[in-house]
């Protein structure tokens, strides 16, 4: 069982040490959208459910973590959402988040 949600993570303020070899690591972020009409898009590019996994993988660099944000219209059926989640969960290292809005 998975619980998916989008949160803002903030650490406590601390004085970090310096390192000349430090790099900023940002996970790859991909947005998978299903609009009200049921159209499936990866970063605004139309895809089919059969090619979703490959389309998302193309956005990921080797050894880079990946966050996939599901941006799904509330009118989309539960079955479509589960099908998309199932495809994304087959991608090694991919983490799911669901986009929502405040009421």
PDB file of N, CA and C in Angstrom:
ATOM      1  N   UNK A   1       0.842  -1.168   0.000  1.00  0.00           N
ATOM      2  CA  UNK A   1       0.000   0.000   0.000  1.00  0.00           C
ATOM      3  C   UNK A   1       0.890   1.235   0.000  1.00  0.00           C
ATOM      4  N   UNK A   2       0.503   2.241  -0.756  1.00  0.00           N
ATOM      5  CA  UNK A   2       1.272   3.480  -0.824  1.00  0.00           C
ATOM      6  C   UNK A   2       0.379   4.655  -0.490  1.00  0.00           C
ATOM      7  N   UNK A   3       0.949   5.613   0.167  1.00  0.00           N
ATOM      8  CA  UNK A   3       0.265   6.878   0.388  1.00  0.00           C
ATOM      9  C   UNK A   3       1.044   7.921  -0.376  1.00  0.00           C
ATOM     10  N   UNK A   4       0.401   8.645  -1.239  1.00  0.00           N
ATOM     11  CA  UNK A   4       1.072   9.617  -2.074  1.00  0.00           C
ATOM     12  C   UNK A   4       0.575  11.013  -1.756  1.00  0.00           C
ATOM     13  N   UNK A   5       1.524  11.908  -1.566  1.00  0.00           N
ATOM     14  CA  UNK A   5       1.161  13.287  -1.337  1.00  0.00           C
ATOM     15  C   UNK A   5       2.352  14.158  -1.653  1.00  0.00           C
ATOM     16  N   UNK A   6       2.087  15.439  -1.862  1.00  0.00           N
ATOM     17  CA  UNK A   6       3.132  16.390  -2.171  1.00  0.00           C
ATOM     18  C   UNK A   6       3.336  17.268  -0.956  1.00  0.00           C
ATOM     19  N   UNK A   7       4.548  17.275  -0.434  1.00  0.00           N
ATOM     20  CA  UNK A   7       4.834  18.079   0.746  1.00  0.00           C
ATOM     21  C   UNK A   7       6.011  18.994   0.481  1.00  0.00           C
ATOM     22  N   UNK A   8       6.135  19.992   1.308  1.00  0.00           N
ATOM     23  CA  UNK A   8       7.285  20.875   1.253  1.00  0.00           C
ATOM     24  C   UNK A   8       8.161  20.525   2.429  1.00  0.00           C
ATOM     25  N   UNK A   9       9.368  20.076   2.136  1.00  0.00           N
ATOM     26  CA  UNK A   9      10.262  19.638   3.188  1.00  0.00           C
ATOM     27  C   UNK A   9      11.224  20.764   3.524  1.00  0.00           C
ATOM     28  N   UNK A  10      11.316  21.098   4.784  1.00  0.00           N
ATOM     29  CA  UNK A  10      12.218  22.144   5.215  1.00  0.00           C
ATOM     30  C   UNK A  10      13.026  21.637   6.384  1.00  0.00           C
ATOM     31  N   UNK A  11      14.329  21.847   6.316  1.00  0.00           N
ATOM     32  CA  UNK A  11      15.197  21.453   7.415  1.00  0.00           C
ATOM     33  C   UNK A  11      15.318  22.590   8.413  1.00  0.00           C
ATOM     34  N   UNK A  12      15.920  22.276   9.548  1.00  0.00           N
ATOM     35  CA  UNK A  12      16.180  23.290  10.562  1.00  0.00           C
ATOM     36  C   UNK A  12      17.376  24.128  10.133  1.00  0.00           C
ATOM     37  N   UNK A  13      17.416  25.401  10.503  1.00  0.00           N
ATOM     38  CA  UNK A  13      18.558  26.226  10.113  1.00  0.00           C
ATOM     39  C   UNK A  13      19.823  25.806  10.857  1.00  0.00           C
ATOM     40  N   UNK A  14      20.882  25.540  10.101  1.00  0.00           N
ATOM     41  CA  UNK A  14      22.173  25.180  10.672  1.00  0.00           C
ATOM     42  C   UNK A  14      23.265  25.847   9.847  1.00  0.00           C
ATOM     43  N   UNK A  15      24.452  25.978  10.418  1.00  0.00           N
ATOM     44  CA  UNK A  15      25.614  26.472   9.685  1.00  0.00           C
ATOM     45  C   UNK A  15      26.315  25.276   9.062  1.00  0.00           C
ATOM     46  N   UNK A  16      26.225  25.173   7.753  1.00  0.00           N
ATOM     47  CA  UNK A  16      26.807  24.037   7.051  1.00  0.00           C
ATOM     48  C   UNK A  16      28.288  24.256   6.799  1.00  0.00           C
ATOM     49  N   UNK A  17      29.063  23.182   6.833  1.00  0.00           N
ATOM     50  CA  UNK A  17      30.483  23.305   6.504  1.00  0.00           C
ATOM     51  C   UNK A  17      30.671  23.506   5.006  1.00  0.00           C
ATOM     52  N   UNK A  18      31.814  24.064   4.626  1.00  0.00           N
ATOM     53  CA  UNK A  18      32.133  24.278   3.216  1.00  0.00           C
ATOM     54  C   UNK A  18      32.861  23.067   2.651  1.00  0.00           C
ATOM     55  N   UNK A  19      32.697  22.851   1.343  1.00  0.00           N
ATOM     56  CA  UNK A  19      33.416  21.790   0.652  1.00  0.00           C
ATOM     57  C   UNK A  19      33.614  22.227  -0.794  1.00  0.00           C
ATOM     58  N   UNK A  20      34.840  22.228  -1.255  1.00  0.00           N
ATOM     59  CA  UNK A  20      35.121  22.665  -2.626  1.00  0.00           C
ATOM     60  C   UNK A  20      34.557  21.713  -3.671  1.00  0.00           C
ATOM     61  N   UNK A  21      34.289  20.478  -3.288  1.00  0.00           N
ATOM     62  CA  UNK A  21      33.745  19.502  -4.234  1.00  0.00           C
ATOM     63  C   UNK A  21      32.228  19.389  -4.156  1.00  0.00           C
ATOM     64  N   UNK A  22      31.606  20.271  -3.401  1.00  0.00           N
ATOM     65  CA  UNK A  22      30.147  20.207  -3.230  1.00  0.00           C
ATOM     66  C   UNK A  22      29.435  20.475  -4.548  1.00  0.00           C
ATOM     67  N   UNK A  23      28.347  19.765  -4.759  1.00  0.00           N
ATOM     68  CA  UNK A  23      27.510  19.933  -5.937  1.00  0.00           C
ATOM     69  C   UNK A  23      26.058  20.026  -5.489  1.00  0.00           C
ATOM     70  N   UNK A  24      25.290  20.771  -6.225  1.00  0.00           N
ATOM     71  CA  UNK A  24      23.865  20.824  -5.959  1.00  0.00           C
ATOM     72  C   UNK A  24      23.220  19.668  -6.705  1.00  0.00           C
ATOM     73  N   UNK A  25      22.564  18.792  -5.968  1.00  0.00           N
ATOM     74  CA  UNK A  25      21.890  17.639  -6.568  1.00  0.00           C
ATOM     75  C   UNK A  25      20.388  17.903  -6.571  1.00  0.00           C
ATOM     76  N   UNK A  26      19.844  17.947  -7.735  1.00  0.00           N
ATOM     77  CA  UNK A  26      18.401  18.101  -7.859  1.00  0.00           C
ATOM     78  C   UNK A  26      17.861  16.865  -8.547  1.00  0.00           C
ATOM     79  N   UNK A  27      16.857  16.252  -7.949  1.00  0.00           N
ATOM     80  CA  UNK A  27      16.281  15.090  -8.624  1.00  0.00           C
ATOM     81  C   UNK A  27      15.589  15.534  -9.913  1.00  0.00           C
ATOM     82  N   UNK A  28      15.598  14.657 -10.890  1.00  0.00           N
ATOM     83  CA  UNK A  28      14.840  14.940 -12.105  1.00  0.00           C
ATOM     84  C   UNK A  28      13.369  14.997 -11.721  1.00  0.00           C
ATOM     85  N   UNK A  29      12.660  15.907 -12.318  1.00  0.00           N
ATOM     86  CA  UNK A  29      11.239  16.047 -12.027  1.00  0.00           C
ATOM     87  C   UNK A  29      10.478  15.963 -13.340  1.00  0.00           C
ATOM     88  N   UNK A  30       9.555  15.047 -13.376  1.00  0.00           N
ATOM     89  CA  UNK A  30       8.731  14.831 -14.562  1.00  0.00           C
ATOM     90  C   UNK A  30       7.277  14.978 -14.145  1.00  0.00           C
ATOM     91  N   UNK A  31       6.501  15.662 -14.964  1.00  0.00           N
ATOM     92  CA  UNK A  31       5.076  15.803 -14.692  1.00  0.00           C
ATOM     93  C   UNK A  31       4.294  14.957 -15.680  1.00  0.00           C
ATOM     94  N   UNK A  32       3.473  14.066 -15.128  1.00  0.00           N
ATOM     95  CA  UNK A  32       2.580  13.245 -15.942  1.00  0.00           C
ATOM     96  C   UNK A  32       1.172  13.795 -15.738  1.00  0.00           C
ATOM     97  N   UNK A  33       0.558  14.227 -16.823  1.00  0.00           N
ATOM     98  CA  UNK A  33      -0.764  14.845 -16.761  1.00  0.00           C
ATOM     99  C   UNK A  33      -1.789  13.971 -17.458  1.00  0.00           C
ATOM    100  N   UNK A  34      -2.958  13.860 -16.832  1.00  0.00           N
ATOM    101  CA  UNK A  34      -4.137  13.312 -17.511  1.00  0.00           C
ATOM    102  C   UNK A  34      -5.189  14.414 -17.421  1.00  0.00           C
ATOM    103  N   UNK A  35      -5.590  14.943 -18.570  1.00  0.00           N
ATOM    104  CA  UNK A  35      -6.576  16.014 -18.551  1.00  0.00           C
ATOM    105  C   UNK A  35      -7.996  15.451 -18.483  1.00  0.00           C
ATOM    106  N   UNK A  36      -8.944  16.331 -18.422  1.00  0.00           N
ATOM    107  CA  UNK A  36     -10.359  15.946 -18.269  1.00  0.00           C
ATOM    108  C   UNK A  36     -10.833  15.009 -19.379  1.00  0.00           C
ATOM    109  N   UNK A  37     -10.269  15.179 -20.576  1.00  0.00           N
ATOM    110  CA  UNK A  37     -10.659  14.345 -21.716  1.00  0.00           C
ATOM    111  C   UNK A  37      -9.948  12.993 -21.721  1.00  0.00           C
ATOM    112  N   UNK A  38      -9.027  12.783 -20.769  1.00  0.00           N
ATOM    113  CA  UNK A  38      -8.327  11.513 -20.682  1.00  0.00           C
ATOM    114  C   UNK A  38      -7.016  11.473 -21.451  1.00  0.00           C
ATOM    115  N   UNK A  39      -6.596  12.625 -22.000  1.00  0.00           N
ATOM    116  CA  UNK A  39      -5.322  12.690 -22.717  1.00  0.00           C
ATOM    117  C   UNK A  39      -4.166  12.568 -21.736  1.00  0.00           C
ATOM    118  N   UNK A  40      -3.151  11.789 -22.097  1.00  0.00           N
ATOM    119  CA  UNK A  40      -1.988  11.537 -21.262  1.00  0.00           C
ATOM    120  C   UNK A  40      -0.793  12.288 -21.828  1.00  0.00           C
ATOM    121  N   UNK A  41      -0.101  13.060 -20.956  1.00  0.00           N
ATOM    122  CA  UNK A  41       1.045  13.848 -21.390  1.00  0.00           C
ATOM    123  C   UNK A  41       2.196  13.694 -20.406  1.00  0.00           C
ATOM    124  N   UNK A  42       3.415  13.713 -20.931  1.00  0.00           N
ATOM    125  CA  UNK A  42       4.617  13.737 -20.102  1.00  0.00           C
ATOM    126  C   UNK A  42       5.302  15.064 -20.395  1.00  0.00           C
ATOM    127  N   UNK A  43       5.366  15.908 -19.378  1.00  0.00           N
ATOM    128  CA  UNK A  43       5.928  17.260 -19.564  1.00  0.00           C
ATOM    129  C   UNK A  43       5.320  17.939 -20.791  1.00  0.00           C
ATOM    130  N   UNK A  44       4.012  17.878 -20.913  1.00  0.00           N
ATOM    131  CA  UNK A  44       3.225  18.520 -21.979  1.00  0.00           C
ATOM    132  C   UNK A  44       3.346  17.864 -23.351  1.00  0.00           C
ATOM    133  N   UNK A  45       4.032  16.727 -23.410  1.00  0.00           N
ATOM    134  CA  UNK A  45       4.154  15.997 -24.677  1.00  0.00           C
ATOM    135  C   UNK A  45       3.198  14.807 -24.657  1.00  0.00           C
ATOM    136  N   UNK A  46       2.287  14.700 -25.634  1.00  0.00           N
ATOM    137  CA  UNK A  46       1.324  13.595 -25.650  1.00  0.00           C
ATOM    138  C   UNK A  46       2.015  12.236 -25.768  1.00  0.00           C
ATOM    139  N   UNK A  47       1.527  11.278 -24.978  1.00  0.00           N
ATOM    140  CA  UNK A  47       2.024   9.898 -25.031  1.00  0.00           C
ATOM    141  C   UNK A  47       0.842   8.954 -24.881  1.00  0.00           C
ATOM    142  N   UNK A  48       1.090   7.689 -25.185  1.00  0.00           N
ATOM    143  CA  UNK A  48       0.105   6.640 -24.967  1.00  0.00           C
ATOM    144  C   UNK A  48       0.509   5.891 -23.704  1.00  0.00           C
ATOM    145  N   UNK A  49      -0.427   5.236 -23.053  1.00  0.00           N
ATOM    146  CA  UNK A  49      -0.140   4.503 -21.823  1.00  0.00           C
ATOM    147  C   UNK A  49       0.939   3.435 -22.066  1.00  0.00           C
ATOM    148  N   UNK A  50       0.971   2.856 -23.268  1.00  0.00           N
ATOM    149  CA  UNK A  50       1.945   1.818 -23.579  1.00  0.00           C
ATOM    150  C   UNK A  50       3.376   2.368 -23.627  1.00  0.00           C
ATOM    151  N   UNK A  51       3.538   3.644 -23.944  1.00  0.00           N
ATOM    152  CA  UNK A  51       4.870   4.247 -24.062  1.00  0.00           C
ATOM    153  C   UNK A  51       5.209   5.161 -22.887  1.00  0.00           C
ATOM    154  N   UNK A  52       4.340   5.205 -21.890  1.00  0.00           N
ATOM    155  CA  UNK A  52       4.542   6.104 -20.752  1.00  0.00           C
ATOM    156  C   UNK A  52       5.854   5.836 -20.029  1.00  0.00           C
ATOM    157  N   UNK A  53       6.122   4.589 -19.719  1.00  0.00           N
ATOM    158  CA  UNK A  53       7.321   4.235 -18.963  1.00  0.00           C
ATOM    159  C   UNK A  53       8.584   4.702 -19.692  1.00  0.00           C
ATOM    160  N   UNK A  54       8.672   4.458 -20.985  1.00  0.00           N
ATOM    161  CA  UNK A  54       9.844   4.876 -21.754  1.00  0.00           C
ATOM    162  C   UNK A  54       9.945   6.395 -21.847  1.00  0.00           C
ATOM    163  N   UNK A  55       8.817   7.069 -21.992  1.00  0.00           N
ATOM    164  CA  UNK A  55       8.828   8.528 -22.086  1.00  0.00           C
ATOM    165  C   UNK A  55       9.335   9.153 -20.780  1.00  0.00           C
ATOM    166  N   UNK A  56       8.953   8.582 -19.656  1.00  0.00           N
ATOM    167  CA  UNK A  56       9.412   9.092 -18.364  1.00  0.00           C
ATOM    168  C   UNK A  56      10.887   8.777 -18.174  1.00  0.00           C
ATOM    169  N   UNK A  57      11.298   7.580 -18.505  1.00  0.00           N
ATOM    170  CA  UNK A  57      12.714   7.186 -18.363  1.00  0.00           C
ATOM    171  C   UNK A  57      13.651   8.086 -19.160  1.00  0.00           C
ATOM    172  N   UNK A  58      13.210   8.562 -20.320  1.00  0.00           N
ATOM    173  CA  UNK A  58      14.034   9.431 -21.158  1.00  0.00           C
ATOM    174  C   UNK A  58      14.355  10.755 -20.466  1.00  0.00           C
ATOM    175  N   UNK A  59      13.564  11.130 -19.497  1.00  0.00           N
ATOM    176  CA  UNK A  59      13.779  12.387 -18.779  1.00  0.00           C
ATOM    177  C   UNK A  59      14.766  12.226 -17.625  1.00  0.00           C
ATOM    178  N   UNK A  60      15.166  11.003 -17.333  1.00  0.00           N
ATOM    179  CA  UNK A  60      16.034  10.701 -16.199  1.00  0.00           C
ATOM    180  C   UNK A  60      17.463  10.450 -16.672  1.00  0.00           C
ATOM    181  N   UNK A  61      18.428  11.053 -15.996  1.00  0.00           N
ATOM    182  CA  UNK A  61      19.838  10.808 -16.277  1.00  0.00           C
ATOM    183  C   UNK A  61      20.291   9.596 -15.474  1.00  0.00           C
ATOM    184  N   UNK A  62      21.342   8.906 -15.914  1.00  0.00           N
ATOM    185  CA  UNK A  62      21.849   7.765 -15.137  1.00  0.00           C
ATOM    186  C   UNK A  62      22.233   8.188 -13.722  1.00  0.00           C
ATOM    187  N   UNK A  63      21.920   7.352 -12.770  1.00  0.00           N
ATOM    188  CA  UNK A  63      22.221   7.584 -11.350  1.00  0.00           C
ATOM    189  C   UNK A  63      21.573   8.847 -10.786  1.00  0.00           C
ATOM    190  N   UNK A  64      20.491   9.272 -11.358  1.00  0.00           N
ATOM    191  CA  UNK A  64      19.780  10.458 -10.869  1.00  0.00           C
ATOM    192  C   UNK A  64      18.430  10.019 -10.322  1.00  0.00           C
ATOM    193  N   UNK A  65      18.086  10.542  -9.149  1.00  0.00           N
ATOM    194  CA  UNK A  65      16.772  10.219  -8.608  1.00  0.00           C
ATOM    195  C   UNK A  65      15.702  10.915  -9.451  1.00  0.00           C
ATOM    196  N   UNK A  66      14.505  10.400  -9.372  1.00  0.00           N
ATOM    197  CA  UNK A  66      13.429  10.889 -10.225  1.00  0.00           C
ATOM    198  C   UNK A  66      12.150  11.041  -9.407  1.00  0.00           C
ATOM    199  N   UNK A  67      11.560  12.218  -9.481  1.00  0.00           N
ATOM    200  CA  UNK A  67      10.257  12.452  -8.875  1.00  0.00           C
ATOM    201  C   UNK A  67       9.251  12.653 -10.002  1.00  0.00           C
ATOM    202  N   UNK A  68       8.214  11.835  -9.996  1.00  0.00           N
ATOM    203  CA  UNK A  68       7.165  11.928 -11.001  1.00  0.00           C
ATOM    204  C   UNK A  68       5.935  12.519 -10.329  1.00  0.00           C
ATOM    205  N   UNK A  69       5.548  13.707 -10.782  1.00  0.00           N
ATOM    206  CA  UNK A  69       4.387  14.395 -10.229  1.00  0.00           C
ATOM    207  C   UNK A  69       3.190  14.072 -11.103  1.00  0.00           C
ATOM    208  N   UNK A  70       2.171  13.478 -10.489  1.00  0.00           N
ATOM    209  CA  UNK A  70       0.938  13.157 -11.212  1.00  0.00           C
ATOM    210  C   UNK A  70       0.011  14.358 -11.116  1.00  0.00           C
ATOM    211  N   UNK A  71      -0.296  14.941 -12.252  1.00  0.00           N
ATOM    212  CA  UNK A  71      -1.134  16.131 -12.367  1.00  0.00           C
ATOM    213  C   UNK A  71      -2.406  15.690 -13.082  1.00  0.00           C
ATOM    214  N   UNK A  72      -3.380  15.238 -12.300  1.00  0.00           N
ATOM    215  CA  UNK A  72      -4.533  14.543 -12.874  1.00  0.00           C
ATOM    216  C   UNK A  72      -5.831  15.276 -12.541  1.00  0.00           C
ATOM    217  N   UNK A  73      -6.627  15.520 -13.573  1.00  0.00           N
ATOM    218  CA  UNK A  73      -7.923  16.175 -13.382  1.00  0.00           C
ATOM    219  C   UNK A  73      -8.808  15.320 -12.491  1.00  0.00           C
ATOM    220  N   UNK A  74      -9.583  15.974 -11.624  1.00  0.00           N
ATOM    221  CA  UNK A  74     -10.425  15.235 -10.681  1.00  0.00           C
ATOM    222  C   UNK A  74     -11.521  14.429 -11.369  1.00  0.00           C
ATOM    223  N   UNK A  75     -11.812  14.711 -12.630  1.00  0.00           N
ATOM    224  CA  UNK A  75     -12.846  13.971 -13.361  1.00  0.00           C
ATOM    225  C   UNK A  75     -12.330  12.654 -13.944  1.00  0.00           C
ATOM    226  N   UNK A  76     -11.022  12.433 -13.905  1.00  0.00           N
ATOM    227  CA  UNK A  76     -10.430  11.214 -14.468  1.00  0.00           C
ATOM    228  C   UNK A  76     -10.810  10.022 -13.595  1.00  0.00           C
ATOM    229  N   UNK A  77     -11.077   8.891 -14.240  1.00  0.00           N
ATOM    230  CA  UNK A  77     -11.509   7.710 -13.499  1.00  0.00           C
ATOM    231  C   UNK A  77     -10.369   7.106 -12.685  1.00  0.00           C
ATOM    232  N   UNK A  78     -10.756   6.438 -11.630  1.00  0.00           N
ATOM    233  CA  UNK A  78      -9.807   5.779 -10.740  1.00  0.00           C
ATOM    234  C   UNK A  78      -8.947   4.771 -11.505  1.00  0.00           C
ATOM    235  N   UNK A  79      -9.549   4.069 -12.434  1.00  0.00           N
ATOM    236  CA  UNK A  79      -8.834   3.070 -13.221  1.00  0.00           C
ATOM    237  C   UNK A  79      -7.697   3.667 -14.036  1.00  0.00           C
ATOM    238  N   UNK A  80      -7.927   4.839 -14.622  1.00  0.00           N
ATOM    239  CA  UNK A  80      -6.872   5.508 -15.384  1.00  0.00           C
ATOM    240  C   UNK A  80      -5.723   5.919 -14.474  1.00  0.00           C
ATOM    241  N   UNK A  81      -6.042   6.424 -13.298  1.00  0.00           N
ATOM    242  CA  UNK A  81      -5.017   6.843 -12.343  1.00  0.00           C
ATOM    243  C   UNK A  81      -4.179   5.643 -11.916  1.00  0.00           C
ATOM    244  N   UNK A  82      -4.830   4.544 -11.596  1.00  0.00           N
ATOM    245  CA  UNK A  82      -4.114   3.340 -11.168  1.00  0.00           C
ATOM    246  C   UNK A  82      -3.225   2.817 -12.295  1.00  0.00           C
ATOM    247  N   UNK A  83      -3.694   2.847 -13.527  1.00  0.00           N
ATOM    248  CA  UNK A  83      -2.892   2.380 -14.662  1.00  0.00           C
ATOM    249  C   UNK A  83      -1.619   3.215 -14.810  1.00  0.00           C
ATOM    250  N   UNK A  84      -1.731   4.525 -14.664  1.00  0.00           N
ATOM    251  CA  UNK A  84      -0.569   5.406 -14.763  1.00  0.00           C
ATOM    252  C   UNK A  84       0.379   5.158 -13.592  1.00  0.00           C
ATOM    253  N   UNK A  85      -0.164   5.062 -12.378  1.00  0.00           N
ATOM    254  CA  UNK A  85       0.675   4.803 -11.214  1.00  0.00           C
ATOM    255  C   UNK A  85       1.419   3.482 -11.360  1.00  0.00           C
ATOM    256  N   UNK A  86       0.756   2.477 -11.886  1.00  0.00           N
ATOM    257  CA  UNK A  86       1.375   1.170 -12.067  1.00  0.00           C
ATOM    258  C   UNK A  86       2.556   1.251 -13.025  1.00  0.00           C
ATOM    259  N   UNK A  87       2.410   1.979 -14.112  1.00  0.00           N
ATOM    260  CA  UNK A  87       3.504   2.131 -15.079  1.00  0.00           C
ATOM    261  C   UNK A  87       4.683   2.875 -14.451  1.00  0.00           C
ATOM    262  N   UNK A  88       4.410   3.947 -13.726  1.00  0.00           N
ATOM    263  CA  UNK A  88       5.474   4.753 -13.117  1.00  0.00           C
ATOM    264  C   UNK A  88       6.202   3.954 -12.041  1.00  0.00           C
ATOM    265  N   UNK A  89       5.478   3.158 -11.275  1.00  0.00           N
ATOM    266  CA  UNK A  89       6.108   2.371 -10.210  1.00  0.00           C
ATOM    267  C   UNK A  89       7.037   1.286 -10.753  1.00  0.00           C
ATOM    268  N   UNK A  90       6.971   0.988 -12.036  1.00  0.00           N
ATOM    269  CA  UNK A  90       7.859   0.016 -12.658  1.00  0.00           C
ATOM    270  C   UNK A  90       9.219   0.617 -13.019  1.00  0.00           C
ATOM    271  N   UNK A  91       9.374   1.923 -12.840  1.00  0.00           N
ATOM    272  CA  UNK A  91      10.630   2.607 -13.152  1.00  0.00           C
ATOM    273  C   UNK A  91      11.507   2.596 -11.903  1.00  0.00           C
ATOM    274  N   UNK A  92      12.672   1.963 -11.966  1.00  0.00           N
ATOM    275  CA  UNK A  92      13.542   1.903 -10.795  1.00  0.00           C
ATOM    276  C   UNK A  92      13.928   3.291 -10.290  1.00  0.00           C
ATOM    277  N   UNK A  93      13.773   3.506  -8.984  1.00  0.00           N
ATOM    278  CA  UNK A  93      14.161   4.769  -8.359  1.00  0.00           C
ATOM    279  C   UNK A  93      13.159   5.891  -8.491  1.00  0.00           C
ATOM    280  N   UNK A  94      12.051   5.676  -9.168  1.00  0.00           N
ATOM    281  CA  UNK A  94      11.059   6.742  -9.338  1.00  0.00           C
ATOM    282  C   UNK A  94      10.212   6.875  -8.081  1.00  0.00           C
ATOM    283  N   UNK A  95       9.988   8.127  -7.677  1.00  0.00           N
ATOM    284  CA  UNK A  95       9.115   8.420  -6.537  1.00  0.00           C
ATOM    285  C   UNK A  95       7.894   9.167  -7.080  1.00  0.00           C
ATOM    286  N   UNK A  96       6.754   8.824  -6.525  1.00  0.00           N
ATOM    287  CA  UNK A  96       5.504   9.438  -6.964  1.00  0.00           C
ATOM    288  C   UNK A  96       5.064  10.550  -6.035  1.00  0.00           C
ATOM    289  N   UNK A  97       4.483  11.580  -6.625  1.00  0.00           N
ATOM    290  CA  UNK A  97       3.840  12.652  -5.879  1.00  0.00           C
ATOM    291  C   UNK A  97       2.574  13.025  -6.644  1.00  0.00           C
ATOM    292  N   UNK A  98       1.553  13.429  -5.921  1.00  0.00           N
ATOM    293  CA  UNK A  98       0.302  13.827  -6.564  1.00  0.00           C
ATOM    294  C   UNK A  98       0.089  15.317  -6.342  1.00  0.00           C
ATOM    295  N   UNK A  99      -0.087  16.032  -7.436  1.00  0.00           N
ATOM    296  CA  UNK A  99      -0.336  17.472  -7.357  1.00  0.00           C
ATOM    297  C   UNK A  99      -1.767  17.708  -6.883  1.00  0.00           C
ATOM    298  N   UNK A 100      -1.914  18.630  -5.950  1.00  0.00           N
ATOM    299  CA  UNK A 100      -3.237  19.016  -5.437  1.00  0.00           C
ATOM    300  C   UNK A 100      -3.267  20.523  -5.300  1.00  0.00           C
ATOM    301  N   UNK A 101      -4.447  21.063  -5.010  1.00  0.00           N
ATOM    302  CA  UNK A 101      -4.563  22.484  -4.712  1.00  0.00           C
ATOM    303  C   UNK A 101      -5.273  22.636  -3.391  1.00  0.00           C
ATOM    304  N   UNK A 102      -5.011  23.733  -2.730  1.00  0.00           N
ATOM    305  CA  UNK A 102      -5.679  24.004  -1.458  1.00  0.00           C
ATOM    306  C   UNK A 102      -7.116  24.413  -1.734  1.00  0.00           C
ATOM    307  N   UNK A 103      -8.040  23.986  -0.867  1.00  0.00           N
ATOM    308  CA  UNK A 103      -9.444  24.344  -1.080  1.00  0.00           C
ATOM    309  C   UNK A 103      -9.678  25.834  -0.921  1.00  0.00           C
TER     310      UNK A 103
END
